[in-house]
């Protein structure tokens, strides 16, 4: 109970301290791209992309130590089933429920991680 209360107090502060997500853009004529980057221990990388309700999105993340994972936050702030906190998602495919900007939050399960994030929307 005390942890949940503390987390609720710190969440708005953490949200304010985060930089804006990096926008993912697809090369002209394509429906996907690969983002190559890294996160330090305890840090996250945030990416955003606009999509429409009903489009199908596929995400896959790869890292040498198999320690990079992601969450997907839909417009409105809810995470997508199977790609939420604690899911340690390395892959996700599904139809998007609403139109708007989606945020992909990449982190590491241990240490830091160099990763390649593949994003496709059709």
C-alpha atoms as a PDB file:
ATOM      1  CA  UNK A   1       0.000   0.000   0.000  1.00  0.00           C
ATOM      2  CA  UNK A   2       2.770   2.408   0.943  1.00  0.00           C
ATOM      3  CA  UNK A   3       4.651   1.658  -2.314  1.00  0.00           C
ATOM      4  CA  UNK A   4       1.559   2.283  -4.431  1.00  0.00           C
ATOM      5  CA  UNK A   5       0.958   5.583  -2.659  1.00  0.00           C
ATOM      6  CA  UNK A   6       4.579   6.640  -3.112  1.00  0.00           C
ATOM      7  CA  UNK A   7       4.498   5.645  -6.778  1.00  0.00           C
ATOM      8  CA  UNK A   8       1.318   7.668  -7.292  1.00  0.00           C
ATOM      9  CA  UNK A   9       3.029  10.719  -5.813  1.00  0.00           C
ATOM     10  CA  UNK A  10       6.187  10.327  -7.872  1.00  0.00           C
ATOM     11  CA  UNK A  11       4.533   9.478 -11.201  1.00  0.00           C
ATOM     12  CA  UNK A  12       3.551  13.075 -12.104  1.00  0.00           C
ATOM     13  CA  UNK A  13       7.040  14.312 -11.213  1.00  0.00           C
ATOM     14  CA  UNK A  14       8.668  11.592 -13.321  1.00  0.00           C
ATOM     15  CA  UNK A  15       6.384  12.417 -16.257  1.00  0.00           C
ATOM     16  CA  UNK A  16       7.389  16.081 -16.102  1.00  0.00           C
ATOM     17  CA  UNK A  17      11.097  15.242 -15.989  1.00  0.00           C
ATOM     18  CA  UNK A  18      11.020  13.104 -19.154  1.00  0.00           C
ATOM     19  CA  UNK A  19      12.091  14.659 -22.433  1.00  0.00           C
ATOM     20  CA  UNK A  20       9.649  14.639 -25.338  1.00  0.00           C
ATOM     21  CA  UNK A  21       9.595  11.376 -27.302  1.00  0.00           C
ATOM     22  CA  UNK A  22      11.628  11.168 -30.496  1.00  0.00           C
ATOM     23  CA  UNK A  23       9.286  11.008 -33.485  1.00  0.00           C
ATOM     24  CA  UNK A  24       9.567   7.894 -35.654  1.00  0.00           C
ATOM     25  CA  UNK A  25       9.199   8.622 -39.368  1.00  0.00           C
ATOM     26  CA  UNK A  26       9.044   6.052 -42.125  1.00  0.00           C
ATOM     27  CA  UNK A  27      11.031   6.565 -45.326  1.00  0.00           C
ATOM     28  CA  UNK A  28       8.767   7.659 -48.218  1.00  0.00           C
ATOM     29  CA  UNK A  29       6.888   4.760 -49.801  1.00  0.00           C
ATOM     30  CA  UNK A  30       7.487   2.379 -46.900  1.00  0.00           C
ATOM     31  CA  UNK A  31       5.360   1.110 -44.017  1.00  0.00           C
ATOM     32  CA  UNK A  32       8.155   0.611 -41.499  1.00  0.00           C
ATOM     33  CA  UNK A  33      11.597   1.434 -40.240  1.00  0.00           C
ATOM     34  CA  UNK A  34      14.276   0.303 -37.789  1.00  0.00           C
ATOM     35  CA  UNK A  35      15.494   2.470 -34.922  1.00  0.00           C
ATOM     36  CA  UNK A  36      18.981   1.641 -33.620  1.00  0.00           C
ATOM     37  CA  UNK A  37      19.951   3.171 -30.282  1.00  0.00           C
ATOM     38  CA  UNK A  38      20.895   2.409 -26.691  1.00  0.00           C
ATOM     39  CA  UNK A  39      19.647   2.974 -23.153  1.00  0.00           C
ATOM     40  CA  UNK A  40      21.796   3.262 -20.047  1.00  0.00           C
ATOM     41  CA  UNK A  41      21.045   1.309 -16.894  1.00  0.00           C
ATOM     42  CA  UNK A  42      17.879   2.659 -15.261  1.00  0.00           C
ATOM     43  CA  UNK A  43      17.044   4.949 -18.199  1.00  0.00           C
ATOM     44  CA  UNK A  44      14.445   4.709 -20.970  1.00  0.00           C
ATOM     45  CA  UNK A  45      14.199   5.887 -24.566  1.00  0.00           C
ATOM     46  CA  UNK A  46      10.815   7.200 -25.720  1.00  0.00           C
ATOM     47  CA  UNK A  47       9.581   7.221 -29.309  1.00  0.00           C
ATOM     48  CA  UNK A  48       6.293   8.394 -30.782  1.00  0.00           C
ATOM     49  CA  UNK A  49       4.439   7.753 -33.999  1.00  0.00           C
ATOM     50  CA  UNK A  50       1.014   8.669 -35.270  1.00  0.00           C
ATOM     51  CA  UNK A  51      -1.366   5.921 -36.343  1.00  0.00           C
ATOM     52  CA  UNK A  52      -5.048   5.413 -37.058  1.00  0.00           C
ATOM     53  CA  UNK A  53      -7.552   3.131 -35.360  1.00  0.00           C
ATOM     54  CA  UNK A  54      -7.686  -0.236 -37.117  1.00  0.00           C
ATOM     55  CA  UNK A  55      -4.155  -0.109 -38.491  1.00  0.00           C
ATOM     56  CA  UNK A  56      -2.011  -3.124 -37.661  1.00  0.00           C
ATOM     57  CA  UNK A  57       1.269  -2.402 -35.877  1.00  0.00           C
ATOM     58  CA  UNK A  58       4.130  -4.851 -35.471  1.00  0.00           C
ATOM     59  CA  UNK A  59       7.080  -4.193 -33.152  1.00  0.00           C
ATOM     60  CA  UNK A  60      10.174  -6.301 -32.536  1.00  0.00           C
ATOM     61  CA  UNK A  61      13.192  -5.392 -30.443  1.00  0.00           C
ATOM     62  CA  UNK A  62      16.578  -7.102 -30.551  1.00  0.00           C
ATOM     63  CA  UNK A  63      19.624  -6.646 -28.355  1.00  0.00           C
ATOM     64  CA  UNK A  64      22.889  -8.572 -28.051  1.00  0.00           C
ATOM     65  CA  UNK A  65      22.207  -9.510 -24.418  1.00  0.00           C
ATOM     66  CA  UNK A  66      18.461 -10.023 -24.991  1.00  0.00           C
ATOM     67  CA  UNK A  67      17.748  -7.426 -22.287  1.00  0.00           C
ATOM     68  CA  UNK A  68      15.926  -4.687 -24.227  1.00  0.00           C
ATOM     69  CA  UNK A  69      12.145  -4.553 -23.758  1.00  0.00           C
ATOM     70  CA  UNK A  70       9.380  -2.074 -24.530  1.00  0.00           C
ATOM     71  CA  UNK A  71       5.957  -0.797 -23.558  1.00  0.00           C
ATOM     72  CA  UNK A  72       3.413   0.788 -25.891  1.00  0.00           C
ATOM     73  CA  UNK A  73       1.265   3.616 -24.577  1.00  0.00           C
ATOM     74  CA  UNK A  74      -1.856   4.441 -26.590  1.00  0.00           C
ATOM     75  CA  UNK A  75      -3.352   7.919 -26.923  1.00  0.00           C
ATOM     76  CA  UNK A  76      -5.076   8.575 -23.609  1.00  0.00           C
ATOM     77  CA  UNK A  77      -2.297   6.957 -21.566  1.00  0.00           C
ATOM     78  CA  UNK A  78      -3.262   3.268 -21.356  1.00  0.00           C
ATOM     79  CA  UNK A  79      -0.730   0.619 -22.328  1.00  0.00           C
ATOM     80  CA  UNK A  80      -1.633  -1.951 -24.957  1.00  0.00           C
ATOM     81  CA  UNK A  81      -2.377  -5.510 -23.755  1.00  0.00           C
ATOM     82  CA  UNK A  82       0.821  -7.559 -23.863  1.00  0.00           C
ATOM     83  CA  UNK A  83       3.005  -4.437 -24.067  1.00  0.00           C
ATOM     84  CA  UNK A  84       2.460  -2.889 -20.657  1.00  0.00           C
ATOM     85  CA  UNK A  85       4.522  -2.444 -17.535  1.00  0.00           C
ATOM     86  CA  UNK A  86       5.795  -5.817 -16.353  1.00  0.00           C
ATOM     87  CA  UNK A  87       5.189  -7.563 -19.701  1.00  0.00           C
ATOM     88  CA  UNK A  88       8.850  -7.213 -20.776  1.00  0.00           C
ATOM     89  CA  UNK A  89       7.689  -7.189 -24.390  1.00  0.00           C
ATOM     90  CA  UNK A  90      10.221  -8.032 -27.073  1.00  0.00           C
ATOM     91  CA  UNK A  91       7.608  -8.406 -29.781  1.00  0.00           C
ATOM     92  CA  UNK A  92       4.049  -7.201 -30.260  1.00  0.00           C
ATOM     93  CA  UNK A  93       1.572  -7.298 -33.136  1.00  0.00           C
ATOM     94  CA  UNK A  94      -1.985  -6.057 -33.064  1.00  0.00           C
ATOM     95  CA  UNK A  95      -4.705  -3.794 -34.384  1.00  0.00           C
ATOM     96  CA  UNK A  96      -4.597  -0.302 -32.926  1.00  0.00           C
ATOM     97  CA  UNK A  97      -7.683   0.662 -30.907  1.00  0.00           C
ATOM     98  CA  UNK A  98      -7.678   4.455 -31.404  1.00  0.00           C
ATOM     99  CA  UNK A  99      -6.198   7.123 -33.654  1.00  0.00           C
ATOM    100  CA  UNK A 100      -3.455   9.429 -32.433  1.00  0.00           C
ATOM    101  CA  UNK A 101       0.125   9.405 -31.191  1.00  0.00           C
ATOM    102  CA  UNK A 102       1.430   6.148 -29.714  1.00  0.00           C
ATOM    103  CA  UNK A 103       4.500   6.191 -27.463  1.00  0.00           C
ATOM    104  CA  UNK A 104       6.974   3.306 -27.381  1.00  0.00           C
ATOM    105  CA  UNK A 105       9.066   3.234 -24.206  1.00  0.00           C
ATOM    106  CA  UNK A 106      12.265   1.169 -24.443  1.00  0.00           C
ATOM    107  CA  UNK A 107      14.230   0.064 -21.392  1.00  0.00           C
ATOM    108  CA  UNK A 108      16.515  -2.725 -20.236  1.00  0.00           C
ATOM    109  CA  UNK A 109      15.731  -5.595 -17.877  1.00  0.00           C
ATOM    110  CA  UNK A 110      19.286  -5.459 -16.516  1.00  0.00           C
ATOM    111  CA  UNK A 111      22.208  -3.122 -17.107  1.00  0.00           C
ATOM    112  CA  UNK A 112      22.166  -0.998 -20.233  1.00  0.00           C
ATOM    113  CA  UNK A 113      21.187  -2.171 -23.698  1.00  0.00           C
ATOM    114  CA  UNK A 114      22.035  -1.429 -27.310  1.00  0.00           C
ATOM    115  CA  UNK A 115      18.973  -2.259 -29.386  1.00  0.00           C
ATOM    116  CA  UNK A 116      17.337  -2.353 -32.789  1.00  0.00           C
ATOM    117  CA  UNK A 117      13.602  -1.633 -32.751  1.00  0.00           C
ATOM    118  CA  UNK A 118      11.672  -2.662 -35.872  1.00  0.00           C
ATOM    119  CA  UNK A 119       8.372  -0.797 -36.372  1.00  0.00           C
ATOM    120  CA  UNK A 120       5.805  -1.573 -39.064  1.00  0.00           C
ATOM    121  CA  UNK A 121       2.301  -0.150 -39.534  1.00  0.00           C
ATOM    122  CA  UNK A 122      -0.097  -1.275 -42.265  1.00  0.00           C
END
